Protein backbone atom coordinates (compact mmCIF):
# COMPACT_ATOMS: atom_id res chain seq x y z
CA MET A 1 -3.19 -170.73 -54.88
CA ALA A 2 -2.80 -171.72 -58.56
CA ASP A 3 -3.33 -169.18 -61.28
CA PRO A 4 -6.35 -170.35 -63.36
CA ASP A 5 -5.11 -168.50 -66.47
CA ASN A 6 -1.71 -170.21 -66.26
CA ASP A 7 -3.33 -173.67 -65.91
CA GLY A 8 -5.41 -172.98 -69.02
CA GLN A 9 -2.32 -171.97 -71.00
CA VAL A 10 -0.46 -175.11 -69.92
CA THR A 11 -3.43 -177.27 -70.92
CA ASP A 12 -3.70 -175.46 -74.28
CA ARG A 13 0.02 -175.94 -74.95
CA ARG A 14 -0.23 -179.62 -74.10
CA LEU A 15 -3.25 -180.02 -76.38
CA ASN A 16 -1.47 -178.10 -79.13
CA ARG A 17 1.60 -180.36 -78.87
CA GLN A 18 -0.60 -183.46 -78.98
CA MET A 19 -2.42 -182.12 -82.06
CA LEU A 20 0.89 -181.24 -83.74
CA PHE A 21 2.22 -184.73 -83.04
CA LYS A 22 -0.96 -186.33 -84.44
CA LEU A 23 -0.80 -184.16 -87.57
CA LEU A 24 2.89 -185.04 -88.10
CA VAL A 25 2.10 -188.74 -87.76
CA ILE A 26 -0.76 -188.40 -90.26
CA ALA A 27 1.48 -186.48 -92.70
CA VAL A 28 4.21 -189.15 -92.46
CA LEU A 29 1.65 -191.94 -92.95
CA MET A 30 0.15 -190.15 -95.98
CA PHE A 31 3.61 -189.69 -97.50
CA GLY A 32 4.41 -193.35 -96.87
CA PHE A 33 1.11 -194.43 -98.42
CA GLY A 34 1.69 -192.26 -101.51
CA TYR A 35 5.27 -193.48 -101.84
CA GLY A 36 4.29 -197.13 -101.46
CA LEU A 37 1.25 -196.92 -103.74
CA ILE A 38 3.21 -197.06 -107.01
CA PRO A 39 5.00 -200.39 -106.36
CA VAL A 40 1.81 -201.86 -104.88
CA TYR A 41 -0.16 -200.77 -107.97
CA LYS A 42 2.47 -202.23 -110.31
CA LYS A 43 2.46 -205.52 -108.39
CA ILE A 44 -1.35 -205.74 -108.43
CA CYS A 45 -1.37 -205.05 -112.18
CA GLU A 46 1.37 -207.64 -112.73
CA VAL A 47 -0.51 -210.29 -110.72
CA THR A 48 -3.84 -209.59 -112.41
CA GLY A 49 -2.28 -209.21 -115.86
CA VAL A 50 -3.83 -205.83 -116.67
CA ASN A 51 -2.17 -202.54 -117.50
CA PHE A 52 1.37 -203.63 -116.80
CA LEU A 53 4.30 -201.73 -118.24
CA THR A 54 5.68 -203.69 -121.14
CA PRO A 55 9.41 -204.27 -121.01
CA LYS A 56 11.09 -204.93 -124.31
CA ASP A 57 11.35 -208.66 -124.86
CA ILE A 58 14.89 -209.17 -126.14
CA THR A 59 14.14 -212.80 -126.94
CA VAL A 60 11.56 -211.84 -129.58
CA GLU A 61 12.98 -212.13 -133.06
CA ALA A 62 11.42 -211.80 -136.46
CA PRO A 63 10.08 -215.17 -137.53
CA ALA A 64 11.34 -216.78 -140.69
CA ASN A 65 8.92 -216.41 -143.59
CA SER A 66 8.43 -220.18 -143.66
CA GLN A 67 6.64 -219.89 -140.27
CA ILE A 68 3.76 -217.85 -141.65
CA ASP A 69 0.53 -219.82 -141.35
CA LYS A 70 -1.34 -218.81 -144.54
CA SER A 71 -4.20 -221.16 -143.67
CA ARG A 72 -5.38 -218.88 -140.83
CA THR A 73 -6.37 -215.25 -140.69
CA ILE A 74 -6.58 -213.33 -137.41
CA THR A 75 -8.43 -210.03 -137.13
CA ILE A 76 -6.50 -207.52 -135.03
CA GLU A 77 -8.57 -204.61 -133.71
CA PHE A 78 -6.79 -201.48 -132.46
CA ASP A 79 -7.99 -199.09 -129.78
CA GLY A 80 -6.49 -196.02 -128.15
CA ASN A 81 -7.52 -194.44 -124.85
CA SER A 82 -5.94 -191.33 -123.43
CA GLN A 83 -5.72 -189.98 -119.93
CA GLY A 84 -4.54 -186.43 -120.48
CA PRO A 85 -4.71 -183.39 -122.72
CA TRP A 86 -3.98 -185.02 -126.07
CA ARG A 87 -5.53 -186.91 -128.92
CA PHE A 88 -4.41 -190.53 -129.22
CA ARG A 89 -5.66 -193.03 -131.77
CA PRO A 90 -4.56 -195.80 -134.13
CA THR A 91 -4.39 -194.83 -137.81
CA VAL A 92 -6.40 -197.97 -138.69
CA SER A 93 -9.13 -199.58 -136.62
CA SER A 94 -8.41 -203.19 -137.65
CA MET A 95 -6.45 -205.41 -140.00
CA GLN A 96 -6.22 -209.04 -141.06
CA VAL A 97 -2.94 -210.88 -140.41
CA HIS A 98 -1.64 -214.41 -140.75
CA PRO A 99 0.06 -215.94 -137.70
CA GLY A 100 3.83 -215.52 -138.02
CA GLU A 101 3.53 -212.59 -140.43
CA MET A 102 5.45 -209.43 -139.43
CA THR A 103 3.04 -206.48 -139.38
CA GLN A 104 3.18 -202.81 -138.49
CA VAL A 105 0.49 -200.44 -137.25
CA VAL A 106 0.90 -196.77 -136.42
CA TYR A 107 -0.64 -194.85 -133.54
CA GLU A 108 -0.88 -191.07 -133.66
CA VAL A 109 -0.70 -188.76 -130.68
CA VAL A 110 -1.10 -184.99 -130.62
CA ASN A 111 -0.14 -182.93 -127.56
CA THR A 112 -2.76 -180.15 -127.41
CA GLN A 113 -0.94 -178.19 -124.70
CA ALA A 114 1.49 -175.28 -124.93
CA HIS A 115 4.13 -177.15 -122.90
CA ALA A 116 5.98 -180.47 -123.19
CA VAL A 117 4.81 -183.59 -121.34
CA ASP A 118 6.21 -187.03 -120.60
CA ALA A 119 3.82 -189.90 -121.22
CA GLN A 120 3.67 -193.70 -121.29
CA ALA A 121 1.45 -196.16 -123.11
CA ILE A 122 0.27 -199.35 -121.46
CA PRO A 123 -1.16 -202.17 -123.58
CA SER A 124 -3.97 -204.54 -122.81
CA TYR A 125 -5.27 -207.45 -124.85
CA ALA A 126 -8.59 -209.14 -125.36
CA PRO A 127 -8.99 -212.01 -124.98
CA GLN A 128 -6.44 -211.94 -122.19
CA GLN A 129 -4.95 -215.32 -123.19
CA SER A 130 -3.82 -213.75 -126.49
CA ALA A 131 -1.25 -211.55 -124.71
CA ALA A 132 1.22 -214.44 -124.59
CA PHE A 133 0.96 -214.88 -128.37
CA PHE A 134 1.09 -211.20 -129.37
CA LYS A 135 4.82 -210.61 -129.96
CA LYS A 136 5.88 -206.98 -130.22
CA VAL A 137 9.28 -206.51 -131.87
CA GLU A 138 9.16 -202.69 -131.79
CA CYS A 139 6.72 -200.63 -129.75
CA PHE A 140 6.38 -197.08 -128.46
CA CYS A 141 5.14 -198.66 -125.22
CA PHE A 142 8.66 -199.90 -124.43
CA THR A 143 9.78 -196.40 -123.50
CA GLN A 144 8.45 -193.19 -122.08
CA GLN A 145 7.49 -190.63 -124.74
CA THR A 146 8.19 -186.90 -124.56
CA LEU A 147 5.81 -184.71 -126.54
CA GLY A 148 6.73 -181.11 -127.26
CA PRO A 149 4.22 -178.26 -127.18
CA ASN A 150 1.47 -178.90 -129.77
CA GLN A 151 3.56 -181.76 -131.23
CA ALA A 152 2.06 -184.55 -133.33
CA LYS A 153 3.87 -187.86 -133.39
CA GLN A 154 3.48 -191.09 -135.39
CA MET A 155 4.44 -194.10 -133.26
CA PRO A 156 4.79 -197.58 -134.81
CA VAL A 157 4.13 -201.00 -133.35
CA VAL A 158 5.84 -203.87 -135.19
CA PHE A 159 4.43 -207.24 -134.20
CA TYR A 160 3.54 -210.75 -135.21
CA ILE A 161 1.12 -213.31 -133.85
CA ASP A 162 2.73 -216.52 -132.64
CA PRO A 163 1.49 -219.42 -134.81
CA ALA A 164 0.88 -221.37 -131.58
CA LEU A 165 -2.14 -219.11 -130.90
CA PRO A 166 -5.11 -221.39 -130.07
CA LYS A 167 -7.27 -222.08 -133.12
CA ASP A 168 -10.43 -220.78 -131.42
CA VAL A 169 -8.99 -217.24 -131.17
CA THR A 170 -9.87 -215.43 -134.39
CA THR A 171 -9.95 -211.82 -133.14
CA ILE A 172 -7.51 -209.99 -130.87
CA THR A 173 -8.03 -206.46 -129.59
CA LEU A 174 -4.90 -204.45 -128.80
CA SER A 175 -5.78 -201.45 -126.67
CA TYR A 176 -3.36 -198.82 -125.42
CA THR A 177 -3.98 -196.35 -122.62
CA PHE A 178 -1.74 -193.31 -123.01
CA PHE A 179 -1.25 -191.23 -119.85
CA GLU A 180 0.99 -188.55 -118.42
CA ILE A 181 3.88 -189.76 -116.26
CA GLY A 182 3.91 -188.39 -112.73
CA GLY A 183 2.58 -185.00 -113.76
CA LYS A 184 6.04 -184.08 -115.06
CA THR A 185 5.95 -181.11 -117.37
CA LYS A 186 8.74 -179.35 -119.15
CA ASN A 187 8.86 -175.70 -120.05
CA ALA A 188 8.64 -174.88 -123.71
CA SER A 189 12.04 -173.88 -125.08
């Protein structure tokens, strides 16, 4: 005759092993999803043209002064959004530029924490078609920024507007979103 207590223990062990296996599969799938999410997000942003990391364009050169179109004036509006414990803003809200004219604007960021953080800025443009004509020669968005504890930093953007910008575009908004990279933090030295 079979021992009913022993049968219950065998069934419990079997159920426990099945549950453990299911939990391991779920953990592996969650890790795979988290690992694969970053390249998928970057690809979606690249395809849709929003919030993509801006690589430095080595083909962009300063235009010759003879290429400045003095007959047109473009209003450039600046915006700063932050996702993290800091203040981030442009030092001016807008400016008037001529297509082809080299211009600089400065953004200011202040880390309000007692420890260092790594951050990245991602640009977006409105209207979206203007992105192809907004040529950044120097930009803090080309590289990751490290901000020390309670550090304030002035970060320049040197740019010009390609004179081939369609005539119907008279205002361009350059907006940066500044966010912490991967939750990396550094201890204060």
